[in-house]
Amino acid sequence: MNIHSTAIIDPTAEIGEDVEIGAYSVIGAHCVVGSGSRIGPHVILEENTLLGKECQVRSGAVLGGPPQDLKFKGERSYVRIGDRNLIREYVTIHRATGEEQATQIGDDNLIMAYVHVGHNCILGSHAMISSYVGLSGHITVEDGVVMGGMVGVHQFVRIGKLAMLGGYSKVVQDVPPFMLADGRPADVLDLNVRGLRRAGIGPATRASLRHAYKLLYRSNLNVSQALEVIEEEIEPNPDLDYLVEFIKRIHDGSSGRQDDRPRK
């Protein structure tokens, strides 16, 4: 380990092998820093922050701060971060609201400078979140999502896998998987063909998703009618099935957000 003499490590923290911790960084109570991780200067890990292996956390980041939520009453909650994440300068990731609940980050993500990840968010793996993105509470970002700079996302929104959001977008409803969205409010503009190719999605599946996109967003059919035609006309495959089920679930929620269940 290479821990700077000015760093402060709580005695309950667990520090893995071959960890570097820079000047004036603070590792709080009951934190875990996985082996091979690199923590820069002036980084704060507040209580109950669990950082995986081979992560990099750059200057000024604050991980595990209490949630900005009036429902939070000091209960024990967590931030759980996976392996090989690159967390850039001044990122903030807050603990969850709710006893034993967690804000969760997967593996192999790039989270650029000044991003905020709010309480109870779930971020998958292999995502790229550009600078100044703001994620409100209870947001789910699935695997492989790319978000441009200064995107703002409403609470309880779900962003489907391999979706791409243009910079400055205002996202108030779910973004289906595989789609390219942009605008204020964000709207689906096209299929994320480049993202699909990078993810190794083959031509036949891309063609089926293209057909589905045209039925959903470029035809005179409403959503229910488009889904019926998709199921009748397009040969099923796992990615197409996932898109269809995602869109069906949106209607189980409120205001275009499948995870925002109607209040009773």
Foldseek 3Di string as FASTA:
>chain_A
DAEDPQEAEPPQEAEEACEYAEHNEYEEHNEYAEALEYEYHCEYEYPAEYEYHNEYAEHQEYEAAAAPDPQADPADFHEYEYEHEYHYHNEYEYTAGDHHYGAYHEYAEYHYHCEYHGHCEYEYHCEYHYHQEYEYHQEYEYACEYEEANEYEDHLEYEEHLEYEYHPEDEDAHHFPQFYWYDDPIDTDAGNVVSCVVVVNDPLVVVLVRVLCCLDPVDPDDNVVSLVCSVVPGDDDVVVVRRSVVQVLLVQDPPNRSRHHDDD
